[in-house]
Protein backbone atom coordinates (compact mmCIF):
# COMPACT_ATOMS: atom_id res chain seq x y z
CA MET A 1 -47.20 17.91 41.87
CA THR A 2 -46.93 14.24 40.30
CA GLU A 3 -49.16 12.99 43.70
CA SER A 4 -51.47 14.84 43.35
CA TRP A 5 -52.73 12.96 39.72
CA SER A 6 -55.28 10.23 39.95
CA ASP A 7 -55.30 7.03 39.13
CA THR A 8 -57.82 7.71 36.20
CA GLN A 9 -55.73 10.40 34.56
CA ARG A 10 -52.48 8.35 35.44
CA ALA A 11 -54.19 5.56 33.19
CA LEU A 12 -54.72 8.02 30.14
CA ARG A 13 -51.30 9.21 30.40
CA GLU A 14 -50.46 5.80 29.52
CA SER A 15 -52.89 5.30 27.23
CA VAL A 16 -51.32 8.07 25.55
CA LEU A 17 -47.63 7.73 25.62
CA GLN A 18 -48.07 3.80 24.47
CA PHE A 19 -50.83 6.15 21.73
CA ALA A 20 -47.52 7.71 20.51
CA ARG A 21 -44.89 5.56 20.72
CA GLN A 22 -46.90 2.95 18.60
CA GLU A 23 -49.04 4.84 16.11
CA LEU A 24 -47.01 8.22 15.78
CA ASN A 25 -43.87 7.87 15.99
CA PRO A 26 -43.24 4.91 13.07
CA ARG A 27 -45.03 7.74 11.10
CA VAL A 28 -43.03 10.46 11.94
CA ALA A 29 -39.98 8.49 11.32
CA GLU A 30 -41.19 7.59 7.92
CA LEU A 31 -42.23 11.09 6.89
CA GLY A 32 -38.89 12.91 8.10
CA GLU A 33 -39.30 16.65 8.59
CA GLY A 34 -42.99 17.38 5.75
CA GLY A 35 -44.70 19.68 5.79
CA PHE A 36 -48.61 18.35 7.56
CA ASP A 37 -49.97 15.10 7.05
CA PRO A 38 -53.58 14.08 6.60
CA GLU A 39 -52.36 10.27 7.98
CA LEU A 40 -50.99 11.29 11.19
CA TRP A 41 -54.09 13.96 12.51
CA ARG A 42 -56.72 11.65 11.38
CA ARG A 43 -54.65 9.05 14.15
CA CYS A 44 -54.91 11.20 16.45
CA ALA A 45 -58.43 12.66 16.13
CA GLU A 46 -59.66 8.37 16.34
CA PHE A 47 -57.69 8.10 19.60
CA GLY A 48 -59.36 11.14 20.76
CA VAL A 49 -56.62 14.09 21.55
CA LEU A 50 -58.59 16.69 19.42
CA GLY A 51 -61.75 16.35 22.00
CA TRP A 52 -59.14 16.00 25.55
CA LEU A 53 -61.15 19.34 26.51
CA ALA A 54 -64.67 20.13 24.11
CA PRO A 55 -67.66 19.28 26.59
CA ARG A 56 -69.19 16.06 26.26
CA ASP A 57 -72.82 17.09 24.00
CA HIS A 58 -70.40 17.95 21.45
CA GLY A 59 -67.93 14.70 20.77
CA GLY A 60 -65.54 15.71 23.01
CA ALA A 61 -64.65 13.87 26.49
CA GLY A 62 -64.51 17.34 28.67
CA HIS A 63 -61.83 16.42 30.50
CA GLY A 64 -60.81 20.32 31.85
CA VAL A 65 -58.05 22.60 31.76
CA VAL A 66 -55.24 20.61 34.12
CA THR A 67 -55.82 17.50 32.49
CA THR A 68 -55.76 18.45 29.11
CA ALA A 69 -52.64 20.17 29.83
CA TYR A 70 -51.58 16.61 31.29
CA LEU A 71 -52.47 14.53 28.69
CA MET A 72 -50.86 16.90 26.01
CA GLU A 73 -47.23 17.06 27.92
CA ALA A 74 -47.89 13.87 27.52
CA LEU A 75 -48.18 13.65 23.95
CA GLY A 76 -45.66 15.58 23.72
CA TYR A 77 -43.08 13.00 26.42
CA GLY A 78 -44.35 10.22 23.48
CA CYS A 79 -44.42 11.74 20.48
CA VAL A 80 -40.94 13.05 18.74
CA ASP A 81 -42.82 15.23 16.01
CA ASN A 82 -42.95 18.94 18.09
CA GLY A 83 -44.80 20.07 15.35
CA LEU A 84 -47.70 17.52 15.51
CA THR A 85 -48.01 18.35 19.59
CA PHE A 86 -48.33 22.18 18.48
CA GLY A 87 -50.80 22.58 15.74
CA LEU A 88 -52.58 19.86 17.68
CA GLY A 89 -52.79 22.61 20.63
CA THR A 90 -53.71 25.04 18.53
CA GLN A 91 -56.45 23.92 17.42
CA ILE A 92 -57.87 23.11 21.36
CA TRP A 93 -56.82 25.92 23.02
CA GLY A 94 -56.99 28.35 20.16
CA PHE A 95 -59.81 27.23 18.05
CA GLN A 96 -61.56 25.24 20.07
CA LYS A 97 -61.44 27.10 23.01
CA THR A 98 -62.11 30.52 21.46
CA LEU A 99 -65.33 29.36 20.01
CA LEU A 100 -66.53 27.74 22.74
CA GLU A 101 -66.12 31.07 24.81
CA VAL A 102 -67.35 33.34 22.19
CA GLY A 103 -69.00 31.99 19.44
CA SER A 104 -72.84 31.44 18.70
CA GLU A 105 -74.99 28.41 18.36
CA ASP A 106 -75.14 27.74 15.47
CA GLN A 107 -70.97 28.06 14.77
CA VAL A 108 -70.25 26.34 17.97
CA SER A 109 -72.53 23.31 15.93
CA ARG A 110 -70.77 23.98 12.72
CA TYR A 111 -67.52 24.07 13.29
CA LEU A 112 -66.59 22.68 17.06
CA GLY A 113 -67.78 19.05 15.98
CA PRO A 114 -65.89 18.45 12.72
CA SER A 115 -62.52 20.15 14.71
CA VAL A 116 -62.85 17.38 17.42
CA ARG A 117 -63.59 14.77 14.73
CA GLY A 118 -60.44 16.25 13.36
CA GLU A 119 -62.61 16.72 9.79
CA LEU A 120 -61.21 19.91 9.82
CA LEU A 121 -58.71 22.93 10.67
CA GLY A 122 -58.73 25.87 11.61
CA ALA A 123 -56.54 29.02 11.35
CA PHE A 124 -55.78 32.35 13.17
CA ALA A 125 -54.86 35.60 11.26
CA ILE A 126 -54.31 38.76 13.08
CA THR A 127 -51.12 38.99 11.92
CA GLU A 128 -49.95 41.36 8.73
CA GLU A 129 -46.84 43.24 8.00
CA GLY A 130 -45.54 45.85 10.56
CA SER A 131 -48.00 44.46 13.29
CA GLY A 132 -46.62 41.34 14.33
CA SER A 133 -45.98 42.73 18.72
CA ASP A 134 -48.50 45.18 17.63
CA ALA A 135 -51.25 42.60 17.03
CA PHE A 136 -53.64 45.80 17.27
CA GLY A 137 -52.44 47.87 14.54
CA ILE A 138 -54.52 45.69 11.89
CA GLY A 139 -55.05 47.69 8.42
CA THR A 140 -56.93 44.64 6.43
CA ARG A 141 -60.58 46.59 6.76
CA ALA A 142 -64.08 44.72 7.18
CA VAL A 143 -67.11 47.55 5.62
CA ARG A 144 -70.74 46.50 6.32
CA ASP A 145 -72.79 45.50 3.31
CA GLY A 146 -76.49 45.02 3.79
CA ASP A 147 -76.37 41.60 5.06
CA HIS A 148 -72.55 40.57 4.72
CA TYR A 149 -69.22 42.24 5.46
CA VAL A 150 -66.50 42.88 2.82
CA LEU A 151 -63.04 41.61 3.83
CA GLU A 152 -60.44 43.93 2.50
CA GLY A 153 -56.69 42.88 3.47
CA GLU A 154 -53.50 40.17 3.59
CA LYS A 155 -52.60 38.35 6.81
CA VAL A 156 -49.05 36.79 7.06
CA TYR A 157 -47.56 33.74 9.12
CA ILE A 158 -50.60 32.49 9.48
CA GLY A 159 -50.12 29.03 10.63
CA PHE A 160 -52.21 26.07 8.75
CA ALA A 161 -53.20 28.50 6.45
CA PRO A 162 -52.78 26.52 3.36
CA VAL A 163 -54.54 23.17 5.01
CA ALA A 164 -56.44 24.92 6.84
CA GLN A 165 -61.18 24.47 6.38
CA VAL A 166 -61.88 28.30 8.08
CA CYS A 167 -60.35 31.19 9.68
CA VAL A 168 -60.95 33.02 12.07
CA VAL A 169 -59.91 35.81 10.46
CA PHE A 170 -59.16 39.78 12.38
CA ALA A 171 -60.34 42.97 10.56
CA ARG A 172 -61.70 47.17 10.83
CA THR A 173 -65.17 47.02 11.61
CA ASP A 174 -64.12 50.95 12.47
CA PRO A 175 -61.04 52.53 12.30
CA GLN A 176 -61.83 55.25 14.68
CA ALA A 177 -61.91 52.82 17.30
CA GLY A 178 -58.85 52.33 17.93
CA ARG A 179 -58.69 48.77 19.14
CA TRP A 180 -62.72 48.51 20.09
CA GLY A 181 -63.11 48.68 16.01
CA ILE A 182 -61.60 45.47 15.40
CA SER A 183 -64.05 42.07 14.82
CA ALA A 184 -63.29 38.61 14.15
CA PHE A 185 -65.01 36.53 11.60
CA LEU A 186 -65.39 32.91 11.10
CA VAL A 187 -64.27 33.04 7.04
CA ASP A 188 -65.09 29.09 4.80
CA ALA A 189 -61.14 28.89 3.37
CA GLY A 190 -63.82 28.22 0.06
CA THR A 191 -66.05 31.70 0.28
CA PRO A 192 -64.66 33.99 -3.05
CA GLY A 193 -62.46 36.47 -2.58
CA TYR A 194 -60.12 34.68 -0.04
CA THR A 195 -57.11 32.77 -1.20
CA VAL A 196 -53.87 31.41 0.13
CA GLU A 197 -50.71 32.12 -0.49
CA PRO A 198 -47.82 29.41 0.68
CA ALA A 199 -45.05 30.87 3.00
CA PRO A 200 -41.54 30.25 3.34
CA GLU A 201 -41.02 27.04 5.05
CA HIS A 202 -40.22 27.67 8.95
CA ALA A 203 -36.57 26.68 10.56
CA GLY A 204 -38.78 24.08 12.52
CA LEU A 205 -42.25 22.87 13.48
CA ARG A 206 -42.47 21.88 9.82
CA ARG A 207 -46.11 19.91 10.13
CA VAL A 208 -47.97 23.39 10.40
CA PRO A 209 -47.34 24.69 7.42
CA PRO A 210 -47.80 28.61 7.53
CA GLY A 211 -49.46 30.92 4.35
CA ARG A 212 -50.00 33.82 3.82
CA ILE A 213 -53.63 34.80 3.33
CA VAL A 214 -55.27 38.01 0.91
CA LEU A 215 -58.71 39.02 1.13
CA ASP A 216 -59.33 40.34 -2.25
CA GLY A 217 -63.45 41.13 -1.67
CA CYS A 218 -64.48 38.92 0.24
CA ARG A 219 -68.17 38.75 1.01
CA VAL A 220 -68.55 36.75 4.66
CA PRO A 221 -72.24 36.50 5.77
CA ARG A 222 -73.22 38.58 9.31
CA ASP A 223 -73.51 35.51 10.97
CA ARG A 224 -69.74 34.53 10.78
CA LEU A 225 -69.20 37.73 13.01
CA LEU A 226 -67.32 36.28 16.33
CA GLY A 227 -69.05 37.46 19.10
CA GLY A 228 -70.16 40.80 17.92
CA GLU A 229 -68.61 44.15 16.49
CA GLY A 230 -66.05 45.53 17.92
CA GLY A 231 -64.91 42.60 20.06
CA GLY A 232 -61.90 41.55 18.27
CA ALA A 233 -59.99 42.85 20.68
CA GLY A 234 -61.26 41.11 23.73
CA ILE A 235 -61.65 38.21 20.96
CA PHE A 236 -57.65 38.87 20.39
CA ASN A 237 -56.61 38.38 24.92
CA LEU A 238 -58.60 35.41 25.02
CA HIS A 239 -57.27 33.46 22.58
CA ALA A 240 -53.66 34.82 23.43
CA GLY A 241 -54.27 33.98 27.63
CA TRP A 242 -55.15 30.02 26.43
CA GLU A 243 -53.11 29.20 23.37
CA ARG A 244 -49.70 31.10 24.31
CA SER A 245 -49.42 28.80 28.04
CA MET A 246 -51.14 26.11 27.52
CA VAL A 247 -50.25 24.81 24.31
CA LEU A 248 -46.95 24.95 25.38
CA ALA A 249 -47.36 21.49 27.49
CA PRO A 250 -46.45 19.41 24.56
CA GLN A 251 -42.89 21.11 24.84
CA LEU A 252 -42.56 20.19 28.52
CA GLY A 253 -43.29 16.91 27.60
CA ALA A 254 -40.31 17.13 25.09
CA MET A 255 -38.17 18.85 27.54
CA GLN A 256 -38.58 14.94 29.99
CA ARG A 257 -37.55 13.48 26.67
CA LEU A 258 -34.90 15.47 26.31
CA LEU A 259 -33.43 15.29 29.93
CA ASP A 260 -33.82 11.45 30.31
CA ALA A 261 -32.55 11.59 27.20
CA SER A 262 -29.19 13.11 27.98
CA VAL A 263 -29.29 11.40 31.76
CA GLU A 264 -28.96 7.96 29.91
CA VAL A 265 -25.66 9.58 27.95
CA ALA A 266 -24.04 10.99 30.46
CA ARG A 267 -23.89 7.47 32.82
CA THR A 268 -22.87 5.12 29.48
CA ARG A 269 -20.67 7.99 27.40
CA ILE A 270 -17.17 7.19 27.97
CA ARG A 271 -14.79 9.39 28.07
CA ALA A 272 -11.37 9.97 29.33
CA GLY A 273 -12.22 6.47 31.11
CA ARG A 274 -15.01 7.03 32.91
CA PRO A 275 -18.60 8.91 32.13
CA VAL A 276 -18.99 12.06 31.07
CA GLY A 277 -20.95 12.60 33.69
CA LYS A 278 -18.84 12.92 36.33
CA HIS A 279 -17.48 15.83 35.31
CA GLN A 280 -19.37 18.53 36.37
CA ALA A 281 -19.07 20.09 33.46
CA VAL A 282 -21.23 17.96 32.25
CA SER A 283 -23.53 17.29 35.43
CA HIS A 284 -24.11 20.48 36.14
CA ARG A 285 -25.84 20.75 32.71
CA VAL A 286 -28.22 17.92 33.52
CA ALA A 287 -28.72 19.89 36.37
CA ASP A 288 -30.23 23.08 35.42
CA MET A 289 -32.29 21.07 33.28
CA LYS A 290 -33.64 19.27 35.84
CA LEU A 291 -34.67 22.62 37.52
CA ARG A 292 -36.05 24.40 34.54
CA ILE A 293 -38.61 21.38 34.13
CA GLU A 294 -39.40 21.67 37.44
CA LEU A 295 -40.74 25.37 37.39
CA SER A 296 -42.00 24.58 34.33
CA ARG A 297 -44.37 22.41 35.36
CA LEU A 298 -44.81 24.73 38.63
CA LEU A 299 -45.72 27.58 36.62
CA LEU A 300 -48.16 25.48 33.62
CA TYR A 301 -50.29 23.77 35.95
CA LYS A 302 -50.31 26.74 38.14
CA THR A 303 -51.59 28.83 34.85
CA ALA A 304 -54.28 25.51 34.35
CA ARG A 305 -55.37 25.94 37.43
CA LEU A 306 -56.18 29.24 37.52
CA LEU A 307 -58.21 29.90 33.59
CA GLN A 308 -59.70 26.24 35.03
CA GLU A 309 -61.08 27.51 37.75
CA GLY A 310 -62.63 30.93 35.51
CA ARG A 311 -59.76 33.24 38.06
CA SER A 312 -57.19 36.39 35.84
CA ALA A 313 -54.19 34.56 34.75
CA THR A 314 -53.16 37.61 32.60
CA LEU A 315 -49.52 37.78 34.63
CA GLU A 316 -48.77 33.81 34.75
CA THR A 317 -49.88 33.29 31.19
CA ALA A 318 -47.00 35.58 30.10
CA MET A 319 -44.54 34.09 33.02
CA THR A 320 -45.85 30.15 31.54
CA LYS A 321 -44.86 31.64 27.79
CA THR A 322 -41.84 33.10 29.12
CA PHE A 323 -40.27 30.87 30.66
CA LEU A 324 -41.11 27.37 29.32
CA SER A 325 -40.70 28.69 25.87
CA GLU A 326 -36.64 30.00 26.85
CA ALA A 327 -35.96 26.60 29.65
CA SER A 328 -37.20 24.85 26.36
CA VAL A 329 -34.48 26.06 23.88
CA GLN A 330 -31.58 25.90 26.75
CA CYS A 331 -32.39 21.82 27.57
CA ALA A 332 -32.23 21.44 23.90
CA GLN A 333 -29.39 23.15 23.31
CA ASP A 334 -27.72 21.70 27.45
CA ALA A 335 -28.38 17.75 25.37
CA ILE A 336 -26.92 18.77 22.71
CA ALA A 337 -24.05 20.07 24.29
CA VAL A 338 -24.66 16.52 26.74
CA HIS A 339 -24.28 14.29 23.77
CA GLY A 340 -21.24 15.89 22.12
CA GLY A 341 -20.30 15.80 18.52
CA GLU A 342 -23.10 12.86 17.98
CA GLY A 343 -25.39 15.66 19.07
CA TYR A 344 -24.96 18.13 16.15
CA GLN A 345 -25.76 15.35 13.63
CA ARG A 346 -29.13 15.66 12.15
CA GLU A 347 -29.52 12.00 12.57
CA THR A 348 -29.46 12.65 16.67
CA GLY A 349 -32.87 14.03 15.66
CA LEU A 350 -31.36 17.08 18.39
CA GLU A 351 -30.70 19.99 15.90
CA ARG A 352 -34.67 19.38 14.89
CA GLU A 353 -35.68 19.84 19.26
CA LEU A 354 -33.68 23.34 18.86
CA ARG A 355 -34.84 24.53 15.66
CA ASP A 356 -38.58 24.01 17.15
CA ALA A 357 -38.31 25.16 20.64
CA ILE A 358 -36.28 28.37 18.98
CA GLY A 359 -40.26 28.70 17.05
CA ALA A 360 -42.14 29.27 21.47
CA THR A 361 -40.19 31.91 21.65
CA ILE A 362 -41.30 33.82 18.94
CA TYR A 363 -45.14 32.61 18.06
CA ALA A 364 -48.46 34.15 20.28
CA GLY A 365 -46.50 37.27 21.11
CA THR A 366 -42.56 37.10 21.66
CA VAL A 367 -41.21 36.77 24.78
CA ASP A 368 -40.22 40.60 24.23
CA VAL A 369 -44.07 41.53 24.42
CA GLN A 370 -44.60 38.74 27.08
CA ARG A 371 -42.25 40.48 29.92
CA ASN A 372 -42.84 43.61 28.35
CA ILE A 373 -46.53 42.22 29.59
CA ILE A 374 -45.45 41.01 32.89
CA ALA A 375 -43.37 44.42 33.38
CA GLY A 376 -46.83 46.55 33.33
CA LEU A 377 -49.19 44.04 35.80
CA LEU A 378 -46.20 45.32 38.81
CA GLY A 379 -46.98 49.01 37.48
CA LEU A 380 -43.90 50.34 35.58
């Protein structure tokens, strides 16, 4: 796979690594594991991260899916803040890509440019109490009232909710039509009747603060309906297909970073008179890390190429999400084991890597749900 990258792509990758190490990591070390940091976001926007996928006529670089994934992998390798890289990925693959695919000309013009420039954050709100894995079991309602829709309901576990300027909110416009009665709306955070309550802090990925969104008589103009009435299910499937797989590209880079650190420790950490890597129990852990990373890379870029070509990739996105997220957790655990007692200390940062990795098995559809999708596509 690495032999297929062009000189231009390799040069871009090196610039990303330099940027992450010189501009992001010192700031991350200064901040610790705090919440959203506008300065980090500004630096990423100015470097162009948020415009990698966006078309040139909207201020982006128009790199394409595969190159963007390649650069996001590099960012995950160079930047030690998995929460930041995850958050950037949700904007690129979730908010921006969905807007480009189904947004009207006015909606794209209104929101995409500010997102690329880092001036606007977008959130996605579908999850409700009791409807996590049952994505279409939502109770939030949207009732047409002249040139507006009136939204009533609550959304939970919404990433970026406390700091987002706009949110894609899913609500039922036709309660009798099942999933085909769900619609999506672009709701500005300042809209009356739209309030956000902070949610309990997550175990990991803390650069992306979660929140609860309360919609109480929230009047949304008709022109903020995204993709037409009843199109919510299709929009959600589009969003989930892109985000659940491609958002893991930085995590692949983080896995490679953990492998490199583990190889170095296995070579230099002396126990019983020889490097710990000479012990088969340790060397096999490192070998397994390498296997998981290479298989994850093959799945990720196969999926990226299918998506770039506009081909069906439902099976591949589910497999990528499942395999890569679980591989990430296991790699973090193996890295801790290779480092021994030092790996269990907070100052090494390895326990943070594990906490961050666990989140990938849950967000954008749990791995259990992904296995249901895989099994269903196999005819079971």
